[in-house]
Amino acid sequence: MRVRTGHEILRISSYLTPNFKSVTVPFFVLHGTADRVTDLLASQDLYNEAASEFKDNKLYDGFLHDLLFEPEREEIAQDIIDWMHKKLGAGNLANVYSQC
């Protein structure tokens, strides 16, 4: 990781963590339980504390940080597509836009 990239990640993280409650946009947290880059508890805190009406999370047992490079990437990609269809379907689309 480049120094500047690391610095930006730390800067954004130090702002975001105490401001999780202000997150109102739709999101889907996907996290591998063997991830050594991002703290699983931080992902769980984001999910638990965010004010967003449209939020979901999914843990992938034994998976690492870069989920779309896991052998099961097709399953993970399908989970993302399914979430988008569920949350952004025609019936929910107006509600989602009003939240953004």
PDB file of N, CA and C in Angstrom:
ATOM      1  N   MET A   1       0.846  -1.166   0.000  1.00  0.00           N
ATOM      2  CA  MET A   1       0.000   0.000   0.000  1.00  0.00           C
ATOM      3  C   MET A   1       0.896   1.234   0.000  1.00  0.00           C
ATOM      4  N   ARG A   2       0.524   2.212  -0.801  1.00  0.00           N
ATOM      5  CA  ARG A   2       1.284   3.456  -0.848  1.00  0.00           C
ATOM      6  C   ARG A   2       1.008   4.268   0.415  1.00  0.00           C
ATOM      7  N   VAL A   3       1.975   5.071   0.812  1.00  0.00           N
ATOM      8  CA  VAL A   3       1.859   5.876   2.032  1.00  0.00           C
ATOM      9  C   VAL A   3       0.660   6.816   1.945  1.00  0.00           C
ATOM     10  N   ARG A   4       0.494   7.465   0.819  1.00  0.00           N
ATOM     11  CA  ARG A   4      -0.628   8.405   0.680  1.00  0.00           C
ATOM     12  C   ARG A   4      -1.971   7.683   0.802  1.00  0.00           C
ATOM     13  N   THR A   5      -2.079   6.507   0.202  1.00  0.00           N
ATOM     14  CA  THR A   5      -3.316   5.724   0.300  1.00  0.00           C
ATOM     15  C   THR A   5      -3.590   5.355   1.749  1.00  0.00           C
ATOM     16  N   GLY A   6      -2.569   4.887   2.450  1.00  0.00           N
ATOM     17  CA  GLY A   6      -2.718   4.550   3.865  1.00  0.00           C
ATOM     18  C   GLY A   6      -3.140   5.746   4.691  1.00  0.00           C
ATOM     19  N   HIS A   7      -2.543   6.893   4.413  1.00  0.00           N
ATOM     20  CA  HIS A   7      -2.888   8.121   5.134  1.00  0.00           C
ATOM     21  C   HIS A   7      -4.352   8.490   4.908  1.00  0.00           C
ATOM     22  N   GLU A   8      -4.819   8.406   3.673  1.00  0.00           N
ATOM     23  CA  GLU A   8      -6.213   8.741   3.363  1.00  0.00           C
ATOM     24  C   GLU A   8      -7.180   7.774   4.040  1.00  0.00           C
ATOM     25  N   ILE A   9      -6.840   6.504   4.057  1.00  0.00           N
ATOM     26  CA  ILE A   9      -7.695   5.517   4.730  1.00  0.00           C
ATOM     27  C   ILE A   9      -7.797   5.837   6.213  1.00  0.00           C
ATOM     28  N   LEU A  10      -6.682   6.144   6.841  1.00  0.00           N
ATOM     29  CA  LEU A  10      -6.698   6.503   8.268  1.00  0.00           C
ATOM     30  C   LEU A  10      -7.478   7.787   8.511  1.00  0.00           C
ATOM     31  N   ARG A  11      -7.315   8.766   7.628  1.00  0.00           N
ATOM     32  CA  ARG A  11      -8.024  10.039   7.784  1.00  0.00           C
ATOM     33  C   ARG A  11      -9.533   9.837   7.685  1.00  0.00           C
ATOM     34  N   ILE A  12      -9.960   9.111   6.690  1.00  0.00           N
ATOM     35  CA  ILE A  12     -11.391   8.865   6.507  1.00  0.00           C
ATOM     36  C   ILE A  12     -11.939   8.024   7.656  1.00  0.00           C
ATOM     37  N   SER A  13     -11.191   7.008   8.069  1.00  0.00           N
ATOM     38  CA  SER A  13     -11.636   6.149   9.177  1.00  0.00           C
ATOM     39  C   SER A  13     -11.789   6.929  10.465  1.00  0.00           C
ATOM     40  N   SER A  14     -10.857   7.838  10.731  1.00  0.00           N
ATOM     41  CA  SER A  14     -10.931   8.607  11.979  1.00  0.00           C
ATOM     42  C   SER A  14     -12.125   9.552  11.976  1.00  0.00           C
ATOM     43  N   TYR A  15     -12.588   9.954  10.791  1.00  0.00           N
ATOM     44  CA  TYR A  15     -13.803  10.772  10.714  1.00  0.00           C
ATOM     45  C   TYR A  15     -15.057   9.892  10.784  1.00  0.00           C
ATOM     46  N   LEU A  16     -15.053   8.809  10.014  1.00  0.00           N
ATOM     47  CA  LEU A  16     -16.251   7.984   9.880  1.00  0.00           C
ATOM     48  C   LEU A  16     -16.665   7.293  11.174  1.00  0.00           C
ATOM     49  N   THR A  17     -15.717   6.702  11.863  1.00  0.00           N
ATOM     50  CA  THR A  17     -16.044   5.900  13.041  1.00  0.00           C
ATOM     51  C   THR A  17     -16.912   6.646  14.048  1.00  0.00           C
ATOM     52  N   PRO A  18     -16.571   7.859  14.472  1.00  0.00           N
ATOM     53  CA  PRO A  18     -17.445   8.539  15.433  1.00  0.00           C
ATOM     54  C   PRO A  18     -18.720   9.107  14.798  1.00  0.00           C
ATOM     55  N   ASN A  19     -18.833   9.012  13.471  1.00  0.00           N
ATOM     56  CA  ASN A  19     -19.992   9.578  12.777  1.00  0.00           C
ATOM     57  C   ASN A  19     -20.864   8.524  12.093  1.00  0.00           C
ATOM     58  N   PHE A  20     -20.748   7.265  12.514  1.00  0.00           N
ATOM     59  CA  PHE A  20     -21.553   6.202  11.908  1.00  0.00           C
ATOM     60  C   PHE A  20     -23.045   6.532  11.937  1.00  0.00           C
ATOM     61  N   LYS A  21     -23.507   7.156  13.008  1.00  0.00           N
ATOM     62  CA  LYS A  21     -24.937   7.453  13.159  1.00  0.00           C
ATOM     63  C   LYS A  21     -25.455   8.410  12.080  1.00  0.00           C
ATOM     64  N   SER A  22     -24.564   9.145  11.444  1.00  0.00           N
ATOM     65  CA  SER A  22     -24.994  10.084  10.404  1.00  0.00           C
ATOM     66  C   SER A  22     -25.077   9.430   9.022  1.00  0.00           C
ATOM     67  N   VAL A  23     -24.709   8.169   8.904  1.00  0.00           N
ATOM     68  CA  VAL A  23     -24.770   7.468   7.617  1.00  0.00           C
ATOM     69  C   VAL A  23     -26.226   7.097   7.333  1.00  0.00           C
ATOM     70  N   THR A  24     -26.770   7.644   6.248  1.00  0.00           N
ATOM     71  CA  THR A  24     -28.172   7.390   5.906  1.00  0.00           C
ATOM     72  C   THR A  24     -28.347   6.778   4.518  1.00  0.00           C
ATOM     73  N   VAL A  25     -27.277   6.635   3.767  1.00  0.00           N
ATOM     74  CA  VAL A  25     -27.376   6.068   2.421  1.00  0.00           C
ATOM     75  C   VAL A  25     -27.506   4.548   2.505  1.00  0.00           C
ATOM     76  N   PRO A  26     -28.131   3.929   1.508  1.00  0.00           N
ATOM     77  CA  PRO A  26     -28.233   2.467   1.492  1.00  0.00           C
ATOM     78  C   PRO A  26     -26.840   1.841   1.379  1.00  0.00           C
ATOM     79  N   PHE A  27     -26.620   0.725   2.077  1.00  0.00           N
ATOM     80  CA  PHE A  27     -25.343   0.023   1.954  1.00  0.00           C
ATOM     81  C   PHE A  27     -25.483  -1.446   2.315  1.00  0.00           C
ATOM     82  N   PHE A  28     -24.525  -2.216   1.830  1.00  0.00           N
ATOM     83  CA  PHE A  28     -24.463  -3.659   2.065  1.00  0.00           C
ATOM     84  C   PHE A  28     -23.039  -3.962   2.503  1.00  0.00           C
ATOM     85  N   VAL A  29     -22.859  -4.367   3.746  1.00  0.00           N
ATOM     86  CA  VAL A  29     -21.539  -4.707   4.280  1.00  0.00           C
ATOM     87  C   VAL A  29     -21.285  -6.183   3.995  1.00  0.00           C
ATOM     88  N   LEU A  30     -20.192  -6.468   3.309  1.00  0.00           N
ATOM     89  CA  LEU A  30     -19.751  -7.836   3.067  1.00  0.00           C
ATOM     90  C   LEU A  30     -18.376  -7.959   3.704  1.00  0.00           C
ATOM     91  N   HIS A  31     -18.180  -8.982   4.524  1.00  0.00           N
ATOM     92  CA  HIS A  31     -16.917  -9.074   5.249  1.00  0.00           C
ATOM     93  C   HIS A  31     -16.506 -10.532   5.394  1.00  0.00           C
ATOM     94  N   GLY A  32     -15.248 -10.804   5.072  1.00  0.00           N
ATOM     95  CA  GLY A  32     -14.688 -12.127   5.303  1.00  0.00           C
ATOM     96  C   GLY A  32     -14.229 -12.245   6.750  1.00  0.00           C
ATOM     97  N   THR A  33     -14.546 -13.359   7.389  1.00  0.00           N
ATOM     98  CA  THR A  33     -14.185 -13.507   8.803  1.00  0.00           C
ATOM     99  C   THR A  33     -12.685 -13.673   9.015  1.00  0.00           C
ATOM    100  N   ALA A  34     -11.934 -14.021   7.963  1.00  0.00           N
ATOM    101  CA  ALA A  34     -10.478 -14.156   8.076  1.00  0.00           C
ATOM    102  C   ALA A  34      -9.753 -12.903   7.580  1.00  0.00           C
ATOM    103  N   ASP A  35     -10.484 -11.828   7.358  1.00  0.00           N
ATOM    104  CA  ASP A  35      -9.912 -10.560   6.894  1.00  0.00           C
ATOM    105  C   ASP A  35      -8.960 -10.006   7.953  1.00  0.00           C
ATOM    106  N   ARG A  36      -7.706  -9.765   7.556  1.00  0.00           N
ATOM    107  CA  ARG A  36      -6.723  -9.183   8.473  1.00  0.00           C
ATOM    108  C   ARG A  36      -6.426  -7.726   8.133  1.00  0.00           C
ATOM    109  N   VAL A  37      -7.142  -7.174   7.152  1.00  0.00           N
ATOM    110  CA  VAL A  37      -6.937  -5.788   6.739  1.00  0.00           C
ATOM    111  C   VAL A  37      -7.940  -4.869   7.428  1.00  0.00           C
ATOM    112  N   THR A  38      -9.198  -5.260   7.418  1.00  0.00           N
ATOM    113  CA  THR A  38     -10.271  -4.452   8.005  1.00  0.00           C
ATOM    114  C   THR A  38     -10.843  -5.188   9.207  1.00  0.00           C
ATOM    115  N   ASP A  39     -11.024  -4.476  10.297  1.00  0.00           N
ATOM    116  CA  ASP A  39     -11.535  -5.053  11.536  1.00  0.00           C
ATOM    117  C   ASP A  39     -13.009  -5.415  11.384  1.00  0.00           C
ATOM    118  N   LEU A  40     -13.328  -6.671  11.628  1.00  0.00           N
ATOM    119  CA  LEU A  40     -14.706  -7.141  11.548  1.00  0.00           C
ATOM    120  C   LEU A  40     -15.618  -6.348  12.479  1.00  0.00           C
ATOM    121  N   LEU A  41     -15.128  -5.995  13.657  1.00  0.00           N
ATOM    122  CA  LEU A  41     -15.944  -5.230  14.606  1.00  0.00           C
ATOM    123  C   LEU A  41     -16.308  -3.851  14.060  1.00  0.00           C
ATOM    124  N   ALA A  42     -15.418  -3.243  13.288  1.00  0.00           N
ATOM    125  CA  ALA A  42     -15.721  -1.938  12.685  1.00  0.00           C
ATOM    126  C   ALA A  42     -16.858  -2.074  11.677  1.00  0.00           C
ATOM    127  N   SER A  43     -16.848  -3.138  10.896  1.00  0.00           N
ATOM    128  CA  SER A  43     -17.937  -3.369   9.941  1.00  0.00           C
ATOM    129  C   SER A  43     -19.257  -3.600  10.670  1.00  0.00           C
ATOM    130  N   GLN A  44     -19.199  -4.369  11.753  1.00  0.00           N
ATOM    131  CA  GLN A  44     -20.410  -4.620  12.537  1.00  0.00           C
ATOM    132  C   GLN A  44     -20.907  -3.342  13.202  1.00  0.00           C
ATOM    133  N   ASP A  45     -19.984  -2.512  13.684  1.00  0.00           N
ATOM    134  CA  ASP A  45     -20.373  -1.232  14.286  1.00  0.00           C
ATOM    135  C   ASP A  45     -21.054  -0.334  13.259  1.00  0.00           C
ATOM    136  N   LEU A  46     -20.500  -0.267  12.049  1.00  0.00           N
ATOM    137  CA  LEU A  46     -21.121   0.533  10.994  1.00  0.00           C
ATOM    138  C   LEU A  46     -22.551   0.064  10.771  1.00  0.00           C
ATOM    139  N   TYR A  47     -22.729  -1.239  10.620  1.00  0.00           N
ATOM    140  CA  TYR A  47     -24.067  -1.776  10.376  1.00  0.00           C
ATOM    141  C   TYR A  47     -25.009  -1.466  11.542  1.00  0.00           C
ATOM    142  N   ASN A  48     -24.551  -1.678  12.754  1.00  0.00           N
ATOM    143  CA  ASN A  48     -25.409  -1.491  13.931  1.00  0.00           C
ATOM    144  C   ASN A  48     -25.745  -0.030  14.208  1.00  0.00           C
ATOM    145  N   GLU A  49     -24.818   0.872  13.942  1.00  0.00           N
ATOM    146  CA  GLU A  49     -24.999   2.267  14.331  1.00  0.00           C
ATOM    147  C   GLU A  49     -25.537   3.175  13.230  1.00  0.00           C
ATOM    148  N   ALA A  50     -25.372   2.802  11.990  1.00  0.00           N
ATOM    149  CA  ALA A  50     -25.812   3.669  10.891  1.00  0.00           C
ATOM    150  C   ALA A  50     -27.323   3.870  10.930  1.00  0.00           C
ATOM    151  N   ALA A  51     -27.740   5.065  10.564  1.00  0.00           N
ATOM    152  CA  ALA A  51     -29.162   5.413  10.577  1.00  0.00           C
ATOM    153  C   ALA A  51     -29.877   4.997   9.294  1.00  0.00           C
ATOM    154  N   SER A  52     -29.160   4.450   8.352  1.00  0.00           N
ATOM    155  CA  SER A  52     -29.748   4.076   7.068  1.00  0.00           C
ATOM    156  C   SER A  52     -30.911   3.108   7.251  1.00  0.00           C
ATOM    157  N   GLU A  53     -31.978   3.378   6.511  1.00  0.00           N
ATOM    158  CA  GLU A  53     -33.138   2.483   6.528  1.00  0.00           C
ATOM    159  C   GLU A  53     -32.853   1.233   5.700  1.00  0.00           C
ATOM    160  N   PHE A  54     -32.057   1.372   4.653  1.00  0.00           N
ATOM    161  CA  PHE A  54     -31.730   0.274   3.754  1.00  0.00           C
ATOM    162  C   PHE A  54     -30.290  -0.163   3.993  1.00  0.00           C
ATOM    163  N   LYS A  55     -30.125  -1.175   4.839  1.00  0.00           N
ATOM    164  CA  LYS A  55     -28.781  -1.684   5.119  1.00  0.00           C
ATOM    165  C   LYS A  55     -28.869  -3.176   5.389  1.00  0.00           C
ATOM    166  N   ASP A  56     -27.829  -3.869   4.985  1.00  0.00           N
ATOM    167  CA  ASP A  56     -27.722  -5.305   5.225  1.00  0.00           C
ATOM    168  C   ASP A  56     -26.257  -5.634   5.428  1.00  0.00           C
ATOM    169  N   ASN A  57     -26.018  -6.803   6.000  1.00  0.00           N
ATOM    170  CA  ASN A  57     -24.642  -7.275   6.122  1.00  0.00           C
ATOM    171  C   ASN A  57     -24.599  -8.776   5.931  1.00  0.00           C
ATOM    172  N   LYS A  58     -23.436  -9.256   5.497  1.00  0.00           N
ATOM    173  CA  LYS A  58     -23.234 -10.689   5.312  1.00  0.00           C
ATOM    174  C   LYS A  58     -21.776 -11.008   5.606  1.00  0.00           C
ATOM    175  N   LEU A  59     -21.579 -12.030   6.422  1.00  0.00           N
ATOM    176  CA  LEU A  59     -20.238 -12.508   6.740  1.00  0.00           C
ATOM    177  C   LEU A  59     -19.948 -13.752   5.912  1.00  0.00           C
ATOM    178  N   TYR A  60     -18.722 -13.839   5.431  1.00  0.00           N
ATOM    179  CA  TYR A  60     -18.272 -14.994   4.659  1.00  0.00           C
ATOM    180  C   TYR A  60     -17.212 -15.714   5.484  1.00  0.00           C
ATOM    181  N   ASP A  61     -17.586 -16.853   6.020  1.00  0.00           N
ATOM    182  CA  ASP A  61     -16.738 -17.595   6.949  1.00  0.00           C
ATOM    183  C   ASP A  61     -15.436 -18.053   6.289  1.00  0.00           C
ATOM    184  N   GLY A  62     -14.315 -17.625   6.878  1.00  0.00           N
ATOM    185  CA  GLY A  62     -12.999 -18.027   6.413  1.00  0.00           C
ATOM    186  C   GLY A  62     -12.463 -17.236   5.233  1.00  0.00           C
ATOM    187  N   PHE A  63     -13.227 -16.290   4.715  1.00  0.00           N
ATOM    188  CA  PHE A  63     -12.783 -15.521   3.559  1.00  0.00           C
ATOM    189  C   PHE A  63     -11.903 -14.360   4.005  1.00  0.00           C
ATOM    190  N   LEU A  64     -11.041 -13.913   3.092  1.00  0.00           N
ATOM    191  CA  LEU A  64     -10.094 -12.838   3.374  1.00  0.00           C
ATOM    192  C   LEU A  64     -10.684 -11.473   3.009  1.00  0.00           C
ATOM    193  N   HIS A  65      -9.820 -10.480   2.839  1.00  0.00           N
ATOM    194  CA  HIS A  65     -10.247  -9.095   2.637  1.00  0.00           C
ATOM    195  C   HIS A  65     -10.881  -8.847   1.267  1.00  0.00           C
ATOM    196  N   ASP A  66     -10.233  -9.276   0.220  1.00  0.00           N
ATOM    197  CA  ASP A  66     -10.680  -8.961  -1.141  1.00  0.00           C
ATOM    198  C   ASP A  66     -11.627 -10.054  -1.629  1.00  0.00           C
ATOM    199  N   LEU A  67     -12.883  -9.935  -1.252  1.00  0.00           N
ATOM    200  CA  LEU A  67     -13.863 -10.995  -1.481  1.00  0.00           C
ATOM    201  C   LEU A  67     -14.037 -11.360  -2.948  1.00  0.00           C
ATOM    202  N   LEU A  68     -13.906 -10.405  -3.837  1.00  0.00           N
ATOM    203  CA  LEU A  68     -14.124 -10.705  -5.250  1.00  0.00           C
ATOM    204  C   LEU A  68     -12.929 -11.395  -5.910  1.00  0.00           C
ATOM    205  N   PHE A  69     -11.894 -11.690  -5.124  1.00  0.00           N
ATOM    206  CA  PHE A  69     -10.782 -12.506  -5.611  1.00  0.00           C
ATOM    207  C   PHE A  69     -10.770 -13.880  -4.954  1.00  0.00           C
ATOM    208  N   GLU A  70     -11.777 -14.176  -4.157  1.00  0.00           N
ATOM    209  CA  GLU A  70     -11.925 -15.504  -3.564  1.00  0.00           C
ATOM    210  C   GLU A  70     -12.420 -16.465  -4.650  1.00  0.00           C
ATOM    211  N   PRO A  71     -12.141 -17.772  -4.491  1.00  0.00           N
ATOM    212  CA  PRO A  71     -12.653 -18.738  -5.478  1.00  0.00           C
ATOM    213  C   PRO A  71     -14.181 -18.687  -5.620  1.00  0.00           C
ATOM    214  N   GLU A  72     -14.868 -18.280  -4.566  1.00  0.00           N
ATOM    215  CA  GLU A  72     -16.331 -18.212  -4.578  1.00  0.00           C
ATOM    216  C   GLU A  72     -16.849 -16.850  -5.047  1.00  0.00           C
ATOM    217  N   ARG A  73     -16.047 -16.145  -5.829  1.00  0.00           N
ATOM    218  CA  ARG A  73     -16.405 -14.781  -6.229  1.00  0.00           C
ATOM    219  C   ARG A  73     -17.729 -14.704  -6.981  1.00  0.00           C
ATOM    220  N   GLU A  74     -18.089 -15.741  -7.713  1.00  0.00           N
ATOM    221  CA  GLU A  74     -19.371 -15.722  -8.436  1.00  0.00           C
ATOM    222  C   GLU A  74     -20.534 -15.684  -7.445  1.00  0.00           C
ATOM    223  N   GLU A  75     -20.434 -16.453  -6.365  1.00  0.00           N
ATOM    224  CA  GLU A  75     -21.469 -16.455  -5.325  1.00  0.00           C
ATOM    225  C   GLU A  75     -21.557 -15.078  -4.657  1.00  0.00           C
ATOM    226  N   ILE A  76     -20.402 -14.496  -4.385  1.00  0.00           N
ATOM    227  CA  ILE A  76     -20.366 -13.177  -3.736  1.00  0.00           C
ATOM    228  C   ILE A  76     -20.946 -12.117  -4.671  1.00  0.00           C
ATOM    229  N   ALA A  77     -20.559 -12.160  -5.938  1.00  0.00           N
ATOM    230  CA  ALA A  77     -21.104 -11.214  -6.914  1.00  0.00           C
ATOM    231  C   ALA A  77     -22.621 -11.374  -7.014  1.00  0.00           C
ATOM    232  N   GLN A  78     -23.096 -12.611  -6.966  1.00  0.00           N
ATOM    233  CA  GLN A  78     -24.541 -12.837  -7.024  1.00  0.00           C
ATOM    234  C   GLN A  78     -25.236 -12.280  -5.784  1.00  0.00           C
ATOM    235  N   ASP A  79     -24.593 -12.386  -4.617  1.00  0.00           N
ATOM    236  CA  ASP A  79     -25.157 -11.791  -3.397  1.00  0.00           C
ATOM    237  C   ASP A  79     -25.321 -10.280  -3.558  1.00  0.00           C
ATOM    238  N   ILE A  80     -24.333  -9.645  -4.179  1.00  0.00           N
ATOM    239  CA  ILE A  80     -24.394  -8.195  -4.405  1.00  0.00           C
ATOM    240  C   ILE A  80     -25.527  -7.859  -5.377  1.00  0.00           C
ATOM    241  N   ILE A  81     -25.608  -8.607  -6.458  1.00  0.00           N
ATOM    242  CA  ILE A  81     -26.669  -8.379  -7.449  1.00  0.00           C
ATOM    243  C   ILE A  81     -28.043  -8.590  -6.820  1.00  0.00           C
ATOM    244  N   ASP A  82     -28.185  -9.667  -6.043  1.00  0.00           N
ATOM    245  CA  ASP A  82     -29.467  -9.939  -5.382  1.00  0.00           C
ATOM    246  C   ASP A  82     -29.843  -8.813  -4.428  1.00  0.00           C
ATOM    247  N   TRP A  83     -28.851  -8.291  -3.686  1.00  0.00           N
ATOM    248  CA  TRP A  83     -29.122  -7.186  -2.762  1.00  0.00           C
ATOM    249  C   TRP A  83     -29.595  -5.953  -3.530  1.00  0.00           C
ATOM    250  N   MET A  84     -28.928  -5.674  -4.634  1.00  0.00           N
ATOM    251  CA  MET A  84     -29.313  -4.506  -5.429  1.00  0.00           C
ATOM    252  C   MET A  84     -30.728  -4.661  -5.980  1.00  0.00           C
ATOM    253  N   HIS A  85     -31.053  -5.858  -6.455  1.00  0.00           N
ATOM    254  CA  HIS A  85     -32.413  -6.086  -6.955  1.00  0.00           C
ATOM    255  C   HIS A  85     -33.436  -5.935  -5.834  1.00  0.00           C
ATOM    256  N   LYS A  86     -33.108  -6.468  -4.680  1.00  0.00           N
ATOM    257  CA  LYS A  86     -34.017  -6.394  -3.527  1.00  0.00           C
ATOM    258  C   LYS A  86     -34.226  -4.955  -3.072  1.00  0.00           C
ATOM    259  N   LYS A  87     -33.159  -4.214  -2.977  1.00  0.00           N
ATOM    260  CA  LYS A  87     -33.229  -2.853  -2.451  1.00  0.00           C
ATOM    261  C   LYS A  87     -33.561  -1.811  -3.501  1.00  0.00           C
ATOM    262  N   LEU A  88     -33.195  -2.053  -4.736  1.00  0.00           N
ATOM    263  CA  LEU A  88     -33.390  -1.043  -5.768  1.00  0.00           C
ATOM    264  C   LEU A  88     -34.462  -1.426  -6.771  1.00  0.00           C
ATOM    265  N   GLY A  89     -35.259  -2.430  -6.433  1.00  0.00           N
ATOM    266  CA  GLY A  89     -36.350  -2.838  -7.306  1.00  0.00           C
ATOM    267  C   GLY A  89     -37.326  -1.694  -7.516  1.00  0.00           C
ATOM    268  N   ALA A  90     -38.170  -1.821  -8.498  1.00  0.00           N
ATOM    269  CA  ALA A  90     -39.091  -0.739  -8.866  1.00  0.00           C
ATOM    270  C   ALA A  90     -39.901  -0.239  -7.680  1.00  0.00           C
ATOM    271  N   GLY A  91     -40.335  -1.122  -6.793  1.00  0.00           N
ATOM    272  CA  GLY A  91     -41.144  -0.708  -5.654  1.00  0.00           C
ATOM    273  C   GLY A  91     -40.391   0.124  -4.640  1.00  0.00           C
ATOM    274  N   ASN A  92     -39.097  -0.085  -4.526  1.00  0.00           N
ATOM    275  CA  ASN A  92     -38.294   0.624  -3.529  1.00  0.00           C
ATOM    276  C   ASN A  92     -37.516   1.800  -4.098  1.00  0.00           C
ATOM    277  N   LEU A  93     -37.438   1.913  -5.392  1.00  0.00           N
ATOM    278  CA  LEU A  93     -36.557   2.895  -6.010  1.00  0.00           C
ATOM    279  C   LEU A  93     -36.859   4.322  -5.570  1.00  0.00           C
ATOM    280  N   ALA A  94     -38.117   4.708  -5.527  1.00  0.00           N
ATOM    281  CA  ALA A  94     -38.463   6.076  -5.116  1.00  0.00           C
ATOM    282  C   ALA A  94     -38.044   6.331  -3.678  1.00  0.00           C
ATOM    283  N   ASN A  95     -38.215   5.351  -2.807  1.00  0.00           N
ATOM    284  CA  ASN A  95     -37.817   5.508  -1.404  1.00  0.00           C
ATOM    285  C   ASN A  95     -36.313   5.657  -1.264  1.00  0.00           C
ATOM    286  N   VAL A  96     -35.557   4.903  -2.037  1.00  0.00           N
ATOM    287  CA  VAL A  96     -34.100   4.973  -1.962  1.00  0.00           C
ATOM    288  C   VAL A  96     -33.627   6.346  -2.415  1.00  0.00           C
ATOM    289  N   TYR A  97     -34.168   6.854  -3.529  1.00  0.00           N
ATOM    290  CA  TYR A  97     -33.748   8.164  -4.021  1.00  0.00           C
ATOM    291  C   TYR A  97     -34.085   9.266  -3.034  1.00  0.00           C
ATOM    292  N   SER A  98     -35.186   9.134  -2.337  1.00  0.00           N
ATOM    293  CA  SER A  98     -35.547  10.174  -1.373  1.00  0.00           C
ATOM    294  C   SER A  98     -34.604  10.181  -0.179  1.00  0.00           C
ATOM    295  N   GLN A  99     -33.880   9.069   0.067  1.00  0.00           N
ATOM    296  CA  GLN A  99     -32.927   8.978   1.173  1.00  0.00           C
ATOM    297  C   GLN A  99     -31.572   9.568   0.809  1.00  0.00           C
ATOM    298  N   CYS A 100     -31.269   9.662  -0.488  1.00  0.00           N
ATOM    299  CA  CYS A 100     -29.931  10.106  -0.922  1.00  0.00           C
ATOM    300  C   CYS A 100     -29.841  11.608  -1.028  1.00  0.00           C
TER     301      CYS A 100
END
